[in-house]
Amino acid sequence: MDQRQSAYTVQGPRGFTLVELLVASSILVVALLGIASVLPTADVTLHQAGQISKAVSLAQQMIETIKNDPFTELTKYHGVDTRNTATYPTDEPIPPLPGTAGNFMGGTNVTRWKDDINLYLASGVGITGGYGTIVVSTVASGGSGNAILRKVTVEVGWRERGQDFSVRLATLASAI
């Protein structure tokens, strides 16, 4: 065996040098700091997305409730603002007759909706500091001047970190 060959095979495995270890550690620290700086923004964005999702669900809930009322009663919801109970429609008759299809439960429906919006602390499903509004407008009238198509717009809003947010959904209701 040649003297040169044995010199190459005698060397053992080399480890990392201190400089290589410091460079690798520095790269890792910079990468982790970059990730850590994104977390607060991601948390705020996730919270806002959750609030918007809840608001959409609450607005849709009220639209579905209103769609179950007779077309002739829809205008009673116009101008509802859950921050002011004077804007709530009045249930008819008072008290409602159990099992009667002709009952109008507008005031009860809005009160229930307001409670759902403000239920945040108890169950986490509501909107912190939220409110709801309803606008009903006539879109089309028939030959006799009676409304045959109405637009119902439901808005759920809230104030957070000094900024106003809201979600607005609209649907059409037909007398036909």
N, C-alpha and C. Protein backbone atom coordinates (compact mmCIF):
# COMPACT_ATOMS: atom_id res chain seq x y z
N MET A 1 0.83 -1.16 0.00
CA MET A 1 0.00 0.00 0.00
C MET A 1 0.89 1.23 0.00
N ASP A 2 0.44 2.19 -0.76
CA ASP A 2 1.19 3.43 -0.95
C ASP A 2 1.05 4.31 0.28
N GLN A 3 2.12 5.07 0.60
CA GLN A 3 2.15 5.95 1.75
C GLN A 3 1.11 7.06 1.60
N ARG A 4 0.89 7.55 0.38
CA ARG A 4 -0.06 8.62 0.15
C ARG A 4 -1.49 8.16 0.39
N GLN A 5 -1.83 7.02 -0.01
CA GLN A 5 -3.18 6.51 0.16
C GLN A 5 -3.54 6.38 1.63
N SER A 6 -2.67 5.91 2.43
CA SER A 6 -2.98 5.70 3.84
C SER A 6 -3.17 7.02 4.57
N ALA A 7 -2.57 8.10 4.10
CA ALA A 7 -2.75 9.40 4.74
C ALA A 7 -4.18 9.90 4.57
N TYR A 8 -4.78 9.58 3.44
CA TYR A 8 -6.15 10.04 3.22
C TYR A 8 -7.16 9.21 3.98
N THR A 9 -6.95 8.01 4.18
CA THR A 9 -7.91 7.15 4.84
C THR A 9 -7.79 7.19 6.36
N VAL A 10 -6.74 7.74 6.88
CA VAL A 10 -6.55 7.76 8.33
C VAL A 10 -7.38 8.87 8.97
N GLN A 11 -7.72 9.94 8.22
CA GLN A 11 -8.46 11.05 8.81
C GLN A 11 -9.85 10.60 9.24
N GLY A 12 -10.30 11.08 10.39
CA GLY A 12 -11.63 10.77 10.91
C GLY A 12 -12.66 11.79 10.41
N PRO A 13 -13.90 11.65 10.77
CA PRO A 13 -14.96 12.57 10.35
C PRO A 13 -14.75 13.95 10.99
N ARG A 14 -15.00 14.99 10.19
CA ARG A 14 -14.85 16.35 10.71
C ARG A 14 -16.18 16.83 11.29
N GLY A 15 -16.16 17.68 12.30
CA GLY A 15 -17.36 18.29 12.88
C GLY A 15 -17.54 19.70 12.35
N PHE A 16 -18.55 20.42 12.87
CA PHE A 16 -18.77 21.80 12.50
C PHE A 16 -17.78 22.69 13.22
N THR A 17 -17.36 23.71 12.56
CA THR A 17 -16.48 24.67 13.22
C THR A 17 -17.35 25.65 13.98
N LEU A 18 -16.79 26.39 14.86
CA LEU A 18 -17.51 27.37 15.66
C LEU A 18 -18.12 28.45 14.76
N VAL A 19 -17.45 28.87 13.73
CA VAL A 19 -17.96 29.88 12.81
C VAL A 19 -19.20 29.36 12.08
N GLU A 20 -19.17 28.13 11.61
CA GLU A 20 -20.33 27.55 10.93
C GLU A 20 -21.52 27.46 11.87
N LEU A 21 -21.28 27.10 13.09
CA LEU A 21 -22.35 27.01 14.08
C LEU A 21 -22.96 28.38 14.36
N LEU A 22 -22.15 29.42 14.47
CA LEU A 22 -22.65 30.78 14.70
C LEU A 22 -23.46 31.29 13.51
N VAL A 23 -23.00 31.03 12.30
CA VAL A 23 -23.74 31.45 11.11
C VAL A 23 -25.09 30.75 11.05
N ALA A 24 -25.14 29.47 11.28
CA ALA A 24 -26.40 28.71 11.25
C ALA A 24 -27.35 29.22 12.33
N SER A 25 -26.83 29.48 13.52
CA SER A 25 -27.67 30.00 14.62
C SER A 25 -28.22 31.37 14.27
N SER A 26 -27.42 32.22 13.66
CA SER A 26 -27.87 33.56 13.27
C SER A 26 -29.00 33.48 12.24
N ILE A 27 -28.86 32.61 11.27
CA ILE A 27 -29.91 32.44 10.26
C ILE A 27 -31.20 31.95 10.91
N LEU A 28 -31.10 31.02 11.83
CA LEU A 28 -32.27 30.49 12.53
C LEU A 28 -32.96 31.58 13.35
N VAL A 29 -32.19 32.39 14.06
CA VAL A 29 -32.75 33.47 14.88
C VAL A 29 -33.48 34.49 14.00
N VAL A 30 -32.89 34.88 12.88
CA VAL A 30 -33.53 35.84 11.98
C VAL A 30 -34.84 35.27 11.44
N ALA A 31 -34.86 34.02 11.07
CA ALA A 31 -36.08 33.39 10.56
C ALA A 31 -37.16 33.35 11.63
N LEU A 32 -36.82 32.98 12.84
CA LEU A 32 -37.80 32.91 13.93
C LEU A 32 -38.33 34.29 14.30
N LEU A 33 -37.49 35.31 14.28
CA LEU A 33 -37.95 36.67 14.55
C LEU A 33 -38.93 37.14 13.48
N GLY A 34 -38.69 36.77 12.24
CA GLY A 34 -39.62 37.11 11.16
C GLY A 34 -40.98 36.48 11.37
N ILE A 35 -40.97 35.23 11.77
CA ILE A 35 -42.23 34.53 12.05
C ILE A 35 -42.94 35.15 13.24
N ALA A 36 -42.20 35.46 14.30
CA ALA A 36 -42.78 36.03 15.52
C ALA A 36 -43.39 37.41 15.26
N SER A 37 -42.81 38.18 14.35
CA SER A 37 -43.34 39.52 14.09
C SER A 37 -44.67 39.47 13.36
N VAL A 38 -44.99 38.39 12.69
CA VAL A 38 -46.25 38.24 11.96
C VAL A 38 -47.39 37.82 12.89
N LEU A 39 -47.11 37.19 13.99
CA LEU A 39 -48.15 36.63 14.86
C LEU A 39 -49.15 37.66 15.38
N PRO A 40 -48.75 38.83 15.88
CA PRO A 40 -49.77 39.79 16.35
C PRO A 40 -50.72 40.23 15.23
N THR A 41 -50.21 40.46 14.05
CA THR A 41 -51.06 40.85 12.92
C THR A 41 -52.01 39.72 12.55
N ALA A 42 -51.52 38.51 12.56
CA ALA A 42 -52.37 37.36 12.26
C ALA A 42 -53.47 37.20 13.30
N ASP A 43 -53.17 37.47 14.55
CA ASP A 43 -54.16 37.36 15.61
C ASP A 43 -55.28 38.38 15.41
N VAL A 44 -54.93 39.63 15.10
CA VAL A 44 -55.92 40.67 14.87
C VAL A 44 -56.78 40.33 13.65
N THR A 45 -56.15 39.87 12.59
CA THR A 45 -56.87 39.51 11.37
C THR A 45 -57.82 38.34 11.61
N LEU A 46 -57.38 37.37 12.36
CA LEU A 46 -58.23 36.23 12.70
C LEU A 46 -59.42 36.66 13.53
N HIS A 47 -59.20 37.55 14.48
CA HIS A 47 -60.31 38.06 15.31
C HIS A 47 -61.32 38.81 14.45
N GLN A 48 -60.83 39.69 13.55
CA GLN A 48 -61.74 40.44 12.68
C GLN A 48 -62.53 39.51 11.76
N ALA A 49 -61.88 38.50 11.25
CA ALA A 49 -62.58 37.54 10.39
C ALA A 49 -63.67 36.81 11.17
N GLY A 50 -63.40 36.49 12.42
CA GLY A 50 -64.40 35.85 13.27
C GLY A 50 -65.59 36.76 13.52
N GLN A 51 -65.32 38.04 13.78
CA GLN A 51 -66.40 39.00 14.01
C GLN A 51 -67.25 39.17 12.75
N ILE A 52 -66.61 39.24 11.59
CA ILE A 52 -67.35 39.38 10.33
C ILE A 52 -68.21 38.15 10.08
N SER A 53 -67.66 36.98 10.34
CA SER A 53 -68.42 35.74 10.16
C SER A 53 -69.64 35.70 11.08
N LYS A 54 -69.45 36.12 12.33
CA LYS A 54 -70.59 36.17 13.26
C LYS A 54 -71.63 37.17 12.80
N ALA A 55 -71.18 38.34 12.32
CA ALA A 55 -72.10 39.37 11.87
C ALA A 55 -72.93 38.89 10.67
N VAL A 56 -72.29 38.21 9.74
CA VAL A 56 -73.01 37.67 8.58
C VAL A 56 -74.07 36.66 9.05
N SER A 57 -73.69 35.81 9.95
CA SER A 57 -74.62 34.80 10.47
C SER A 57 -75.81 35.46 11.17
N LEU A 58 -75.55 36.49 11.98
CA LEU A 58 -76.62 37.18 12.69
C LEU A 58 -77.53 37.95 11.74
N ALA A 59 -76.96 38.57 10.72
CA ALA A 59 -77.78 39.28 9.73
C ALA A 59 -78.65 38.30 8.96
N GLN A 60 -78.08 37.17 8.57
CA GLN A 60 -78.84 36.15 7.85
C GLN A 60 -79.95 35.58 8.72
N GLN A 61 -79.67 35.42 10.00
CA GLN A 61 -80.68 34.93 10.94
C GLN A 61 -81.90 35.87 10.95
N MET A 62 -81.66 37.18 10.99
CA MET A 62 -82.78 38.13 11.02
C MET A 62 -83.51 38.15 9.70
N ILE A 63 -82.79 38.05 8.59
CA ILE A 63 -83.46 38.00 7.29
C ILE A 63 -84.39 36.79 7.21
N GLU A 64 -83.93 35.65 7.67
CA GLU A 64 -84.77 34.45 7.65
C GLU A 64 -85.99 34.60 8.55
N THR A 65 -85.81 35.26 9.69
CA THR A 65 -86.94 35.50 10.59
C THR A 65 -87.97 36.40 9.92
N ILE A 66 -87.50 37.47 9.29
CA ILE A 66 -88.40 38.41 8.63
C ILE A 66 -89.12 37.73 7.47
N LYS A 67 -88.45 36.86 6.73
CA LYS A 67 -89.06 36.18 5.59
C LYS A 67 -90.22 35.28 6.02
N ASN A 68 -90.24 34.90 7.30
CA ASN A 68 -91.33 34.06 7.79
C ASN A 68 -92.58 34.87 8.15
N ASP A 69 -92.47 36.19 8.19
CA ASP A 69 -93.62 37.05 8.48
C ASP A 69 -94.41 37.31 7.21
N PRO A 70 -95.70 37.61 7.34
CA PRO A 70 -96.50 37.94 6.16
C PRO A 70 -95.94 39.18 5.45
N PHE A 71 -96.06 39.21 4.12
CA PHE A 71 -95.54 40.32 3.32
C PHE A 71 -96.11 41.66 3.79
N THR A 72 -97.37 41.66 4.16
CA THR A 72 -98.04 42.92 4.57
C THR A 72 -97.46 43.48 5.87
N GLU A 73 -96.76 42.67 6.63
CA GLU A 73 -96.22 43.11 7.92
C GLU A 73 -94.77 43.58 7.83
N LEU A 74 -94.11 43.39 6.71
CA LEU A 74 -92.68 43.69 6.60
C LEU A 74 -92.33 45.14 6.91
N THR A 75 -93.19 46.07 6.51
CA THR A 75 -92.87 47.48 6.72
C THR A 75 -92.78 47.84 8.20
N LYS A 76 -93.33 47.02 9.06
CA LYS A 76 -93.25 47.28 10.50
C LYS A 76 -91.80 47.17 11.01
N TYR A 77 -90.96 46.48 10.26
CA TYR A 77 -89.55 46.36 10.64
C TYR A 77 -88.72 47.57 10.20
N HIS A 78 -89.28 48.42 9.33
CA HIS A 78 -88.52 49.55 8.80
C HIS A 78 -88.08 50.49 9.94
N GLY A 79 -86.80 50.80 9.96
CA GLY A 79 -86.27 51.73 10.95
C GLY A 79 -85.85 51.10 12.26
N VAL A 80 -85.88 49.77 12.36
CA VAL A 80 -85.46 49.11 13.59
C VAL A 80 -83.98 49.36 13.83
N ASP A 81 -83.67 49.71 15.07
CA ASP A 81 -82.28 49.88 15.51
C ASP A 81 -82.22 49.26 16.91
N THR A 82 -81.43 48.21 17.07
CA THR A 82 -81.43 47.49 18.36
C THR A 82 -80.90 48.34 19.51
N ARG A 83 -80.30 49.50 19.22
CA ARG A 83 -79.83 50.39 20.28
C ARG A 83 -80.95 51.23 20.85
N ASN A 84 -82.14 51.19 20.23
CA ASN A 84 -83.26 52.01 20.66
C ASN A 84 -84.53 51.16 20.63
N THR A 85 -85.02 50.75 21.79
CA THR A 85 -86.20 49.88 21.84
C THR A 85 -87.45 50.57 21.32
N ALA A 86 -87.48 51.90 21.25
CA ALA A 86 -88.64 52.60 20.72
C ALA A 86 -88.83 52.32 19.22
N THR A 87 -87.81 51.82 18.55
CA THR A 87 -87.92 51.51 17.12
C THR A 87 -88.44 50.10 16.86
N TYR A 88 -88.61 49.30 17.91
CA TYR A 88 -89.05 47.92 17.74
C TYR A 88 -90.52 47.89 17.33
N PRO A 89 -90.88 46.99 16.40
CA PRO A 89 -92.30 46.84 16.07
C PRO A 89 -93.06 46.22 17.24
N THR A 90 -94.34 46.43 17.24
CA THR A 90 -95.19 45.92 18.32
C THR A 90 -95.77 44.57 17.91
N ASP A 91 -95.70 43.61 18.84
CA ASP A 91 -96.33 42.31 18.59
C ASP A 91 -97.84 42.51 18.48
N GLU A 92 -98.49 41.75 17.59
CA GLU A 92 -99.94 41.82 17.45
C GLU A 92 -100.50 40.42 17.34
N PRO A 93 -101.44 40.04 18.11
CA PRO A 93 -102.01 40.77 19.25
C PRO A 93 -101.10 40.69 20.47
N ILE A 94 -101.42 41.49 21.47
CA ILE A 94 -100.67 41.46 22.74
C ILE A 94 -101.62 40.93 23.79
N PRO A 95 -101.33 39.85 24.46
CA PRO A 95 -100.25 38.91 24.18
C PRO A 95 -100.59 38.06 22.96
N PRO A 96 -99.56 37.52 22.29
CA PRO A 96 -99.81 36.67 21.13
C PRO A 96 -100.64 35.44 21.51
N LEU A 97 -101.48 35.00 20.59
CA LEU A 97 -102.30 33.82 20.82
C LEU A 97 -101.49 32.58 20.44
N PRO A 98 -101.22 31.69 21.37
CA PRO A 98 -100.40 30.51 21.07
C PRO A 98 -101.01 29.68 19.94
N GLY A 99 -100.17 29.30 19.00
CA GLY A 99 -100.59 28.43 17.90
C GLY A 99 -101.36 29.12 16.81
N THR A 100 -101.50 30.44 16.85
CA THR A 100 -102.25 31.15 15.83
C THR A 100 -101.29 31.66 14.77
N ALA A 101 -101.58 31.34 13.51
CA ALA A 101 -100.69 31.71 12.42
C ALA A 101 -100.69 33.21 12.17
N GLY A 102 -101.74 33.92 12.55
CA GLY A 102 -101.85 35.35 12.28
C GLY A 102 -101.07 36.24 13.24
N ASN A 103 -100.39 35.66 14.21
CA ASN A 103 -99.62 36.46 15.16
C ASN A 103 -98.47 37.15 14.45
N PHE A 104 -98.23 38.43 14.77
CA PHE A 104 -97.04 39.13 14.31
C PHE A 104 -96.13 39.29 15.52
N MET A 105 -94.95 38.69 15.46
CA MET A 105 -94.04 38.67 16.61
C MET A 105 -92.81 39.55 16.36
N GLY A 106 -92.99 40.68 15.69
CA GLY A 106 -91.88 41.53 15.31
C GLY A 106 -91.06 42.02 16.49
N GLY A 107 -91.72 42.54 17.54
CA GLY A 107 -91.00 43.03 18.71
C GLY A 107 -90.23 41.92 19.40
N THR A 108 -90.86 40.77 19.52
CA THR A 108 -90.20 39.62 20.14
C THR A 108 -89.02 39.16 19.29
N ASN A 109 -89.20 39.15 17.96
CA ASN A 109 -88.11 38.75 17.07
C ASN A 109 -86.90 39.68 17.18
N VAL A 110 -87.15 40.99 17.21
CA VAL A 110 -86.05 41.96 17.29
C VAL A 110 -85.37 41.86 18.65
N THR A 111 -86.13 41.68 19.71
CA THR A 111 -85.54 41.53 21.04
C THR A 111 -84.65 40.31 21.09
N ARG A 112 -85.10 39.20 20.53
CA ARG A 112 -84.31 37.98 20.49
C ARG A 112 -83.03 38.19 19.68
N TRP A 113 -83.15 38.91 18.55
CA TRP A 113 -82.00 39.21 17.69
C TRP A 113 -80.99 40.07 18.44
N LYS A 114 -81.48 41.08 19.14
CA LYS A 114 -80.58 41.95 19.93
C LYS A 114 -79.84 41.12 20.97
N ASP A 115 -80.56 40.23 21.65
CA ASP A 115 -79.91 39.37 22.65
C ASP A 115 -78.86 38.47 22.01
N ASP A 116 -79.13 37.96 20.82
CA ASP A 116 -78.15 37.12 20.12
C ASP A 116 -76.91 37.92 19.74
N ILE A 117 -77.10 39.16 19.31
CA ILE A 117 -75.96 40.01 18.95
C ILE A 117 -75.09 40.28 20.17
N ASN A 118 -75.72 40.49 21.32
CA ASN A 118 -74.98 40.87 22.52
C ASN A 118 -74.59 39.70 23.41
N LEU A 119 -74.78 38.49 22.96
CA LEU A 119 -74.55 37.30 23.78
C LEU A 119 -73.07 36.92 23.87
N TYR A 120 -72.18 37.76 23.41
CA TYR A 120 -70.76 37.43 23.27
C TYR A 120 -70.13 36.86 24.53
N LEU A 121 -70.31 37.50 25.67
CA LEU A 121 -69.62 37.06 26.88
C LEU A 121 -70.10 35.70 27.37
N ALA A 122 -71.36 35.41 27.17
CA ALA A 122 -71.89 34.14 27.67
C ALA A 122 -71.45 32.95 26.82
N SER A 123 -71.47 33.11 25.50
CA SER A 123 -71.19 31.94 24.67
C SER A 123 -70.15 32.17 23.58
N GLY A 124 -69.77 33.42 23.33
CA GLY A 124 -68.79 33.69 22.30
C GLY A 124 -69.36 33.70 20.90
N VAL A 125 -70.69 33.71 20.74
CA VAL A 125 -71.27 33.68 19.40
C VAL A 125 -71.72 35.05 18.93
N GLY A 126 -71.79 36.02 19.80
CA GLY A 126 -72.29 37.34 19.43
C GLY A 126 -71.18 38.28 18.99
N ILE A 127 -71.53 39.55 18.89
CA ILE A 127 -70.60 40.60 18.47
C ILE A 127 -70.38 41.54 19.65
N THR A 128 -69.15 41.73 20.06
CA THR A 128 -68.84 42.62 21.17
C THR A 128 -69.28 44.04 20.81
N GLY A 129 -70.16 44.63 21.64
CA GLY A 129 -70.62 45.99 21.39
C GLY A 129 -71.39 46.14 20.11
N GLY A 130 -72.07 45.10 19.67
CA GLY A 130 -72.75 45.12 18.38
C GLY A 130 -74.15 45.68 18.43
N TYR A 131 -74.67 45.99 17.26
CA TYR A 131 -76.04 46.48 17.11
C TYR A 131 -76.55 46.02 15.75
N GLY A 132 -77.85 46.11 15.56
CA GLY A 132 -78.45 45.74 14.29
C GLY A 132 -79.46 46.78 13.84
N THR A 133 -79.56 46.97 12.53
CA THR A 133 -80.56 47.86 11.97
C THR A 133 -81.27 47.16 10.81
N ILE A 134 -82.50 47.60 10.56
CA ILE A 134 -83.30 47.03 9.47
C ILE A 134 -83.94 48.16 8.69
N VAL A 135 -83.86 48.07 7.36
CA VAL A 135 -84.52 49.03 6.48
C VAL A 135 -85.36 48.23 5.50
N VAL A 136 -86.63 48.61 5.36
CA VAL A 136 -87.53 47.95 4.40
C VAL A 136 -88.00 49.03 3.42
N SER A 137 -87.81 48.78 2.14
CA SER A 137 -88.24 49.75 1.13
C SER A 137 -89.02 49.03 0.03
N THR A 138 -89.93 49.76 -0.59
CA THR A 138 -90.72 49.21 -1.69
C THR A 138 -89.93 49.35 -2.98
N VAL A 139 -89.82 48.25 -3.70
CA VAL A 139 -89.09 48.22 -4.97
C VAL A 139 -90.06 48.34 -6.15
N ALA A 140 -91.20 47.68 -6.05
CA ALA A 140 -92.17 47.71 -7.15
C ALA A 140 -93.58 47.66 -6.60
N SER A 141 -94.47 48.35 -7.29
CA SER A 141 -95.87 48.36 -6.91
C SER A 141 -96.70 47.81 -8.06
N GLY A 142 -97.84 47.24 -7.70
CA GLY A 142 -98.74 46.71 -8.72
C GLY A 142 -99.59 47.82 -9.32
N GLY A 143 -100.52 47.44 -10.19
CA GLY A 143 -101.40 48.40 -10.85
C GLY A 143 -102.26 49.18 -9.88
N SER A 144 -102.60 48.61 -8.74
CA SER A 144 -103.45 49.30 -7.77
C SER A 144 -102.64 50.17 -6.81
N GLY A 145 -101.33 50.22 -7.00
CA GLY A 145 -100.49 51.03 -6.11
C GLY A 145 -99.99 50.29 -4.89
N ASN A 146 -100.43 49.04 -4.72
CA ASN A 146 -99.96 48.25 -3.59
C ASN A 146 -98.59 47.66 -3.90
N ALA A 147 -97.75 47.64 -2.89
CA ALA A 147 -96.40 47.08 -3.06
C ALA A 147 -96.47 45.60 -3.40
N ILE A 148 -95.67 45.19 -4.37
CA ILE A 148 -95.59 43.76 -4.69
C ILE A 148 -94.17 43.23 -4.52
N LEU A 149 -93.20 44.13 -4.34
CA LEU A 149 -91.82 43.72 -4.14
C LEU A 149 -91.15 44.69 -3.17
N ARG A 150 -90.56 44.12 -2.11
CA ARG A 150 -89.88 44.95 -1.11
C ARG A 150 -88.45 44.46 -0.93
N LYS A 151 -87.58 45.42 -0.65
CA LYS A 151 -86.18 45.12 -0.35
C LYS A 151 -86.00 45.25 1.16
N VAL A 152 -85.45 44.20 1.77
CA VAL A 152 -85.18 44.19 3.20
C VAL A 152 -83.66 44.19 3.36
N THR A 153 -83.14 45.23 4.02
CA THR A 153 -81.71 45.35 4.25
C THR A 153 -81.45 45.26 5.75
N VAL A 154 -80.62 44.31 6.12
CA VAL A 154 -80.27 44.08 7.53
C VAL A 154 -78.78 44.35 7.69
N GLU A 155 -78.45 45.15 8.69
CA GLU A 155 -77.05 45.49 8.95
C GLU A 155 -76.71 45.15 10.39
N VAL A 156 -75.57 44.53 10.57
CA VAL A 156 -75.01 44.28 11.91
C VAL A 156 -73.70 45.04 11.97
N GLY A 157 -73.57 45.89 12.98
CA GLY A 157 -72.37 46.70 13.09
C GLY A 157 -71.78 46.62 14.49
N TRP A 158 -70.53 47.04 14.62
CA TRP A 158 -69.85 47.08 15.91
C TRP A 158 -68.67 48.04 15.83
N ARG A 159 -68.22 48.48 16.98
CA ARG A 159 -67.06 49.37 17.06
C ARG A 159 -65.98 48.65 17.83
N GLU A 160 -64.79 48.66 17.24
CA GLU A 160 -63.68 47.93 17.84
C GLU A 160 -62.38 48.67 17.57
N ARG A 161 -61.59 48.88 18.61
CA ARG A 161 -60.30 49.58 18.50
C ARG A 161 -60.45 50.94 17.82
N GLY A 162 -61.55 51.63 18.15
CA GLY A 162 -61.78 52.96 17.60
C GLY A 162 -62.23 53.00 16.16
N GLN A 163 -62.58 51.86 15.60
CA GLN A 163 -62.98 51.80 14.20
C GLN A 163 -64.35 51.13 14.08
N ASP A 164 -65.18 51.66 13.18
CA ASP A 164 -66.50 51.07 12.95
C ASP A 164 -66.43 49.99 11.88
N PHE A 165 -67.14 48.90 12.14
CA PHE A 165 -67.25 47.79 11.19
C PHE A 165 -68.73 47.46 11.02
N SER A 166 -69.10 46.96 9.85
CA SER A 166 -70.48 46.52 9.66
C SER A 166 -70.56 45.53 8.52
N VAL A 167 -71.62 44.74 8.57
CA VAL A 167 -71.95 43.79 7.51
C VAL A 167 -73.39 44.07 7.14
N ARG A 168 -73.65 44.20 5.85
CA ARG A 168 -75.00 44.51 5.39
C ARG A 168 -75.43 43.45 4.38
N LEU A 169 -76.59 42.86 4.64
CA LEU A 169 -77.17 41.87 3.72
C LEU A 169 -78.55 42.38 3.29
N ALA A 170 -78.92 42.10 2.08
CA ALA A 170 -80.22 42.52 1.57
C ALA A 170 -80.88 41.35 0.83
N THR A 171 -82.19 41.35 0.86
CA THR A 171 -82.96 40.35 0.14
C THR A 171 -84.23 41.00 -0.40
N LEU A 172 -84.85 40.35 -1.34
CA LEU A 172 -86.11 40.84 -1.88
C LEU A 172 -87.23 39.93 -1.41
N ALA A 173 -88.35 40.54 -1.07
CA ALA A 173 -89.54 39.79 -0.66
C ALA A 173 -90.68 40.17 -1.61
N SER A 174 -91.40 39.16 -2.06
CA SER A 174 -92.46 39.38 -3.04
C SER A 174 -93.83 39.05 -2.45
N ALA A 175 -94.81 39.84 -2.85
CA ALA A 175 -96.18 39.59 -2.41
C ALA A 175 -96.82 38.49 -3.23
N ILE A 176 -96.21 38.15 -4.33
CA ILE A 176 -96.80 37.16 -5.23
C ILE A 176 -96.39 35.76 -4.83
